[in-house]
């Protein structure tokens, strides 16, 4: 997929059926794929979403563990 959308899949490790469950889109169009990084910035064991542009400017969105529906 090449539309600069971040999608998430859950690894079911050992569950019956497919080992992967599609969870949906989690971010859109903030940057191209080569500018996107995931890292735990605040020590909560959840990866946060970062973009790094060609000038080295970093934008970050923290993962608060909540899901947005709709």
PDB file of N, CA and C in Angstrom:
ATOM      1  N   UNK A   1       0.844  -1.172   0.000  1.00  0.00           N
ATOM      2  CA  UNK A   1       0.000   0.000   0.000  1.00  0.00           C
ATOM      3  C   UNK A   1       0.890   1.236   0.000  1.00  0.00           C
ATOM      4  N   UNK A   2       0.553   2.185  -0.824  1.00  0.00           N
ATOM      5  CA  UNK A   2       1.424   3.345  -0.988  1.00  0.00           C
ATOM      6  C   UNK A   2       0.692   4.664  -0.806  1.00  0.00           C
ATOM      7  N   UNK A   3      -0.271   4.730   0.077  1.00  0.00           N
ATOM      8  CA  UNK A   3      -1.065   5.945   0.239  1.00  0.00           C
ATOM      9  C   UNK A   3      -0.706   6.748   1.485  1.00  0.00           C
ATOM     10  N   UNK A   4       0.453   6.482   2.097  1.00  0.00           N
ATOM     11  CA  UNK A   4       0.922   7.208   3.281  1.00  0.00           C
ATOM     12  C   UNK A   4      -0.048   7.145   4.453  1.00  0.00           C
ATOM     13  N   UNK A   5      -0.734   6.028   4.588  1.00  0.00           N
ATOM     14  CA  UNK A   5      -1.643   5.790   5.701  1.00  0.00           C
ATOM     15  C   UNK A   5      -1.018   4.718   6.584  1.00  0.00           C
ATOM     16  N   UNK A   6      -1.059   4.909   7.898  1.00  0.00           N
ATOM     17  CA  UNK A   6      -0.559   3.902   8.836  1.00  0.00           C
ATOM     18  C   UNK A   6      -1.720   3.010   9.229  1.00  0.00           C
ATOM     19  N   UNK A   7      -1.522   1.710   9.066  1.00  0.00           N
ATOM     20  CA  UNK A   7      -2.540   0.725   9.428  1.00  0.00           C
ATOM     21  C   UNK A   7      -1.963  -0.210  10.484  1.00  0.00           C
ATOM     22  N   UNK A   8      -2.828  -0.770  11.313  1.00  0.00           N
ATOM     23  CA  UNK A   8      -2.365  -1.653  12.386  1.00  0.00           C
ATOM     24  C   UNK A   8      -2.970  -3.040  12.249  1.00  0.00           C
ATOM     25  N   UNK A   9      -2.163  -4.036  12.564  1.00  0.00           N
ATOM     26  CA  UNK A   9      -2.603  -5.424  12.637  1.00  0.00           C
ATOM     27  C   UNK A   9      -2.187  -5.972  13.994  1.00  0.00           C
ATOM     28  N   UNK A  10      -3.025  -6.797  14.592  1.00  0.00           N
ATOM     29  CA  UNK A  10      -2.739  -7.447  15.866  1.00  0.00           C
ATOM     30  C   UNK A  10      -2.213  -8.847  15.593  1.00  0.00           C
ATOM     31  N   UNK A  11      -1.079  -9.196  16.190  1.00  0.00           N
ATOM     32  CA  UNK A  11      -0.513 -10.531  16.063  1.00  0.00           C
ATOM     33  C   UNK A  11      -1.178 -11.422  17.104  1.00  0.00           C
ATOM     34  N   UNK A  12      -1.969 -12.395  16.644  1.00  0.00           N
ATOM     35  CA  UNK A  12      -2.726 -13.277  17.536  1.00  0.00           C
ATOM     36  C   UNK A  12      -1.914 -14.435  18.092  1.00  0.00           C
ATOM     37  N   UNK A  13      -0.699 -14.568  17.745  1.00  0.00           N
ATOM     38  CA  UNK A  13       0.224 -15.617  18.190  1.00  0.00           C
ATOM     39  C   UNK A  13      -0.449 -16.868  18.739  1.00  0.00           C
ATOM     40  N   UNK A  14      -0.672 -17.820  17.884  1.00  0.00           N
ATOM     41  CA  UNK A  14      -1.182 -19.105  18.334  1.00  0.00           C
ATOM     42  C   UNK A  14      -2.687 -19.222  18.371  1.00  0.00           C
ATOM     43  N   UNK A  15      -3.394 -18.161  18.073  1.00  0.00           N
ATOM     44  CA  UNK A  15      -4.844 -18.251  18.020  1.00  0.00           C
ATOM     45  C   UNK A  15      -5.279 -19.057  16.812  1.00  0.00           C
ATOM     46  N   UNK A  16      -6.520 -19.454  16.771  1.00  0.00           N
ATOM     47  CA  UNK A  16      -7.004 -20.205  15.619  1.00  0.00           C
ATOM     48  C   UNK A  16      -7.269 -19.244  14.466  1.00  0.00           C
ATOM     49  N   UNK A  17      -7.205 -19.749  13.260  1.00  0.00           N
ATOM     50  CA  UNK A  17      -7.429 -18.910  12.089  1.00  0.00           C
ATOM     51  C   UNK A  17      -6.189 -18.111  11.742  1.00  0.00           C
ATOM     52  N   UNK A  18      -6.394 -16.974  11.126  1.00  0.00           N
ATOM     53  CA  UNK A  18      -5.279 -16.135  10.703  1.00  0.00           C
ATOM     54  C   UNK A  18      -4.500 -15.629  11.912  1.00  0.00           C
ATOM     55  N   UNK A  19      -3.166 -15.611  11.827  1.00  0.00           N
ATOM     56  CA  UNK A  19      -2.385 -15.082  12.942  1.00  0.00           C
ATOM     57  C   UNK A  19      -2.449 -13.560  13.050  1.00  0.00           C
ATOM     58  N   UNK A  20      -3.043 -12.887  12.065  1.00  0.00           N
ATOM     59  CA  UNK A  20      -3.113 -11.431  12.069  1.00  0.00           C
ATOM     60  C   UNK A  20      -4.547 -10.956  11.968  1.00  0.00           C
ATOM     61  N   UNK A  21      -4.912  -9.978  12.804  1.00  0.00           N
ATOM     62  CA  UNK A  21      -6.228  -9.352  12.754  1.00  0.00           C
ATOM     63  C   UNK A  21      -6.037  -7.880  12.419  1.00  0.00           C
ATOM     64  N   UNK A  22      -6.686  -7.425  11.355  1.00  0.00           N
ATOM     65  CA  UNK A  22      -6.585  -6.031  10.932  1.00  0.00           C
ATOM     66  C   UNK A  22      -7.373  -5.149  11.893  1.00  0.00           C
ATOM     67  N   UNK A  23      -6.717  -4.132  12.457  1.00  0.00           N
ATOM     68  CA  UNK A  23      -7.353  -3.236  13.416  1.00  0.00           C
ATOM     69  C   UNK A  23      -7.803  -1.924  12.794  1.00  0.00           C
ATOM     70  N   UNK A  24      -7.302  -1.612  11.616  1.00  0.00           N
ATOM     71  CA  UNK A  24      -7.737  -0.404  10.935  1.00  0.00           C
ATOM     72  C   UNK A  24      -6.647   0.633  10.783  1.00  0.00           C
ATOM     73  N   UNK A  25      -7.056   1.776  10.307  1.00  0.00           N
ATOM     74  CA  UNK A  25      -6.170   2.897  10.061  1.00  0.00           C
ATOM     75  C   UNK A  25      -5.926   3.643  11.366  1.00  0.00           C
ATOM     76  N   UNK A  26      -4.659   3.977  11.647  1.00  0.00           N
ATOM     77  CA  UNK A  26      -4.343   4.685  12.887  1.00  0.00           C
ATOM     78  C   UNK A  26      -3.785   6.086  12.666  1.00  0.00           C
ATOM     79  N   UNK A  27      -3.367   6.409  11.445  1.00  0.00           N
ATOM     80  CA  UNK A  27      -2.869   7.752  11.138  1.00  0.00           C
ATOM     81  C   UNK A  27      -2.947   7.974   9.635  1.00  0.00           C
ATOM     82  N   UNK A  28      -3.061   9.230   9.240  1.00  0.00           N
ATOM     83  CA  UNK A  28      -3.136   9.536   7.813  1.00  0.00           C
ATOM     84  C   UNK A  28      -2.210  10.667   7.424  1.00  0.00           C
ATOM     85  N   UNK A  29      -1.554  10.483   6.303  1.00  0.00           N
ATOM     86  CA  UNK A  29      -0.870  11.528   5.581  1.00  0.00           C
ATOM     87  C   UNK A  29       0.043  12.491   6.312  1.00  0.00           C
ATOM     88  N   UNK A  30       0.569  12.168   7.472  1.00  0.00           N
ATOM     89  CA  UNK A  30       1.456  13.096   8.174  1.00  0.00           C
ATOM     90  C   UNK A  30       2.823  13.178   7.506  1.00  0.00           C
ATOM     91  N   UNK A  31       3.230  12.103   6.834  1.00  0.00           N
ATOM     92  CA  UNK A  31       4.538  12.070   6.182  1.00  0.00           C
ATOM     93  C   UNK A  31       4.604  10.858   5.267  1.00  0.00           C
ATOM     94  N   UNK A  32       5.604  10.847   4.409  1.00  0.00           N
ATOM     95  CA  UNK A  32       5.812   9.668   3.574  1.00  0.00           C
ATOM     96  C   UNK A  32       6.429   8.563   4.428  1.00  0.00           C
ATOM     97  N   UNK A  33       6.354   7.346   3.945  1.00  0.00           N
ATOM     98  CA  UNK A  33       6.778   6.203   4.769  1.00  0.00           C
ATOM     99  C   UNK A  33       8.234   6.276   5.210  1.00  0.00           C
ATOM    100  N   UNK A  34       9.116   6.877   4.421  1.00  0.00           N
ATOM    101  CA  UNK A  34      10.518   6.956   4.824  1.00  0.00           C
ATOM    102  C   UNK A  34      10.768   8.020   5.895  1.00  0.00           C
ATOM    103  N   UNK A  35       9.768   8.819   6.223  1.00  0.00           N
ATOM    104  CA  UNK A  35       9.894   9.831   7.273  1.00  0.00           C
ATOM    105  C   UNK A  35       9.199   9.432   8.574  1.00  0.00           C
ATOM    106  N   UNK A  36       8.555   8.271   8.607  1.00  0.00           N
ATOM    107  CA  UNK A  36       7.789   7.829   9.780  1.00  0.00           C
ATOM    108  C   UNK A  36       8.643   6.922  10.658  1.00  0.00           C
ATOM    109  N   UNK A  37       8.552   7.131  11.951  1.00  0.00           N
ATOM    110  CA  UNK A  37       9.232   6.287  12.942  1.00  0.00           C
ATOM    111  C   UNK A  37       8.263   6.008  14.084  1.00  0.00           C
ATOM    112  N   UNK A  38       8.509   4.914  14.781  1.00  0.00           N
ATOM    113  CA  UNK A  38       7.766   4.585  15.995  1.00  0.00           C
ATOM    114  C   UNK A  38       8.781   4.381  17.110  1.00  0.00           C
ATOM    115  N   UNK A  39       8.540   5.009  18.256  1.00  0.00           N
ATOM    116  CA  UNK A  39       9.436   4.881  19.404  1.00  0.00           C
ATOM    117  C   UNK A  39       8.657   5.226  20.665  1.00  0.00           C
ATOM    118  N   UNK A  40       9.064   4.626  21.776  1.00  0.00           N
ATOM    119  CA  UNK A  40       8.437   4.928  23.068  1.00  0.00           C
ATOM    120  C   UNK A  40       9.131   6.156  23.652  1.00  0.00           C
ATOM    121  N   UNK A  41       8.514   7.315  23.506  1.00  0.00           N
ATOM    122  CA  UNK A  41       9.130   8.563  23.954  1.00  0.00           C
ATOM    123  C   UNK A  41       8.970   8.835  25.439  1.00  0.00           C
ATOM    124  N   UNK A  42       7.921   8.307  26.058  1.00  0.00           N
ATOM    125  CA  UNK A  42       7.630   8.674  27.445  1.00  0.00           C
ATOM    126  C   UNK A  42       7.710   7.507  28.429  1.00  0.00           C
ATOM    127  N   UNK A  43       8.248   6.378  28.009  1.00  0.00           N
ATOM    128  CA  UNK A  43       8.482   5.264  28.917  1.00  0.00           C
ATOM    129  C   UNK A  43       7.255   4.492  29.344  1.00  0.00           C
ATOM    130  N   UNK A  44       6.141   4.602  28.594  1.00  0.00           N
ATOM    131  CA  UNK A  44       4.918   3.887  28.977  1.00  0.00           C
ATOM    132  C   UNK A  44       4.760   2.541  28.266  1.00  0.00           C
ATOM    133  N   UNK A  45       5.792   2.110  27.557  1.00  0.00           N
ATOM    134  CA  UNK A  45       5.815   0.828  26.834  1.00  0.00           C
ATOM    135  C   UNK A  45       4.851   0.797  25.651  1.00  0.00           C
ATOM    136  N   UNK A  46       4.461   1.969  25.155  1.00  0.00           N
ATOM    137  CA  UNK A  46       3.643   2.073  23.943  1.00  0.00           C
ATOM    138  C   UNK A  46       4.426   2.895  22.930  1.00  0.00           C
ATOM    139  N   UNK A  47       4.535   2.385  21.718  1.00  0.00           N
ATOM    140  CA  UNK A  47       5.225   3.158  20.690  1.00  0.00           C
ATOM    141  C   UNK A  47       4.424   4.395  20.329  1.00  0.00           C
ATOM    142  N   UNK A  48       5.109   5.503  20.219  1.00  0.00           N
ATOM    143  CA  UNK A  48       4.519   6.762  19.800  1.00  0.00           C
ATOM    144  C   UNK A  48       4.854   6.979  18.324  1.00  0.00           C
ATOM    145  N   UNK A  49       4.084   7.822  17.647  1.00  0.00           N
ATOM    146  CA  UNK A  49       4.198   8.055  16.210  1.00  0.00           C
ATOM    147  C   UNK A  49       5.007   9.318  15.968  1.00  0.00           C
ATOM    148  N   UNK A  50       6.085   9.190  15.198  1.00  0.00           N
ATOM    149  CA  UNK A  50       6.949  10.331  14.916  1.00  0.00           C
ATOM    150  C   UNK A  50       7.132  10.497  13.417  1.00  0.00           C
ATOM    151  N   UNK A  51       7.286  11.746  12.992  1.00  0.00           N
ATOM    152  CA  UNK A  51       7.722  12.022  11.630  1.00  0.00           C
ATOM    153  C   UNK A  51       9.000  12.846  11.723  1.00  0.00           C
ATOM    154  N   UNK A  52       9.934  12.556  10.822  1.00  0.00           N
ATOM    155  CA  UNK A  52      11.205  13.267  10.771  1.00  0.00           C
ATOM    156  C   UNK A  52      11.387  13.751   9.341  1.00  0.00           C
ATOM    157  N   UNK A  53      11.430  15.078   9.137  1.00  0.00           N
ATOM    158  CA  UNK A  53      11.554  15.579   7.768  1.00  0.00           C
ATOM    159  C   UNK A  53      13.023  15.676   7.350  1.00  0.00           C
ATOM    160  N   UNK A  54      13.262  16.086   6.111  1.00  0.00           N
ATOM    161  CA  UNK A  54      14.622  16.146   5.566  1.00  0.00           C
ATOM    162  C   UNK A  54      15.527  17.114   6.310  1.00  0.00           C
ATOM    163  N   UNK A  55      14.959  18.101   6.981  1.00  0.00           N
ATOM    164  CA  UNK A  55      15.749  19.058   7.758  1.00  0.00           C
ATOM    165  C   UNK A  55      16.009  18.567   9.179  1.00  0.00           C
ATOM    166  N   UNK A  56      15.474  17.394   9.535  1.00  0.00           N
ATOM    167  CA  UNK A  56      15.662  16.846  10.870  1.00  0.00           C
ATOM    168  C   UNK A  56      14.617  17.277  11.876  1.00  0.00           C
ATOM    169  N   UNK A  57      13.579  17.972  11.428  1.00  0.00           N
ATOM    170  CA  UNK A  57      12.506  18.404  12.326  1.00  0.00           C
ATOM    171  C   UNK A  57      11.637  17.199  12.676  1.00  0.00           C
ATOM    172  N   UNK A  58      11.415  16.997  13.974  1.00  0.00           N
ATOM    173  CA  UNK A  58      10.628  15.862  14.454  1.00  0.00           C
ATOM    174  C   UNK A  58       9.278  16.360  14.960  1.00  0.00           C
ATOM    175  N   UNK A  59       8.220  15.708  14.514  1.00  0.00           N
ATOM    176  CA  UNK A  59       6.879  15.908  15.071  1.00  0.00           C
ATOM    177  C   UNK A  59       6.489  14.594  15.722  1.00  0.00           C
ATOM    178  N   UNK A  60       5.854  14.653  16.885  1.00  0.00           N
ATOM    179  CA  UNK A  60       5.516  13.429  17.607  1.00  0.00           C
ATOM    180  C   UNK A  60       4.087  13.472  18.119  1.00  0.00           C
ATOM    181  N   UNK A  61       3.448  12.307  18.071  1.00  0.00           N
ATOM    182  CA  UNK A  61       2.112  12.118  18.619  1.00  0.00           C
ATOM    183  C   UNK A  61       2.213  10.965  19.606  1.00  0.00           C
ATOM    184  N   UNK A  62       1.870  11.219  20.869  1.00  0.00           N
ATOM    185  CA  UNK A  62       1.992  10.167  21.872  1.00  0.00           C
ATOM    186  C   UNK A  62       0.804   9.215  21.803  1.00  0.00           C
ATOM    187  N   UNK A  63       1.090   7.961  22.047  1.00  0.00           N
ATOM    188  CA  UNK A  63       0.089   6.900  22.063  1.00  0.00           C
ATOM    189  C   UNK A  63      -0.461   6.818  23.479  1.00  0.00           C
ATOM    190  N   UNK A  64      -1.709   7.239  23.663  1.00  0.00           N
ATOM    191  CA  UNK A  64      -2.298   7.205  25.004  1.00  0.00           C
ATOM    192  C   UNK A  64      -3.071   5.923  25.271  1.00  0.00           C
ATOM    193  N   UNK A  65      -3.059   5.001  24.304  1.00  0.00           N
ATOM    194  CA  UNK A  65      -3.722   3.716  24.494  1.00  0.00           C
ATOM    195  C   UNK A  65      -5.208   3.729  24.231  1.00  0.00           C
ATOM    196  N   UNK A  66      -5.766   4.879  23.937  1.00  0.00           N
ATOM    197  CA  UNK A  66      -7.195   4.972  23.666  1.00  0.00           C
ATOM    198  C   UNK A  66      -7.455   4.738  22.190  1.00  0.00           C
ATOM    199  N   UNK A  67      -8.614   4.224  21.874  1.00  0.00           N
ATOM    200  CA  UNK A  67      -8.991   4.044  20.479  1.00  0.00           C
ATOM    201  C   UNK A  67     -10.062   5.048  20.122  1.00  0.00           C
ATOM    202  N   UNK A  68     -10.017   5.492  18.890  1.00  0.00           N
ATOM    203  CA  UNK A  68     -11.019   6.421  18.400  1.00  0.00           C
ATOM    204  C   UNK A  68     -11.892   5.676  17.406  1.00  0.00           C
ATOM    205  N   UNK A  69     -13.177   5.683  17.605  1.00  0.00           N
ATOM    206  CA  UNK A  69     -14.098   4.980  16.718  1.00  0.00           C
ATOM    207  C   UNK A  69     -14.785   5.978  15.818  1.00  0.00           C
ATOM    208  N   UNK A  70     -15.058   5.517  14.574  1.00  0.00           N
ATOM    209  CA  UNK A  70     -15.807   6.363  13.667  1.00  0.00           C
ATOM    210  C   UNK A  70     -15.008   6.942  12.564  1.00  0.00           C
TER     211      UNK A  70
END
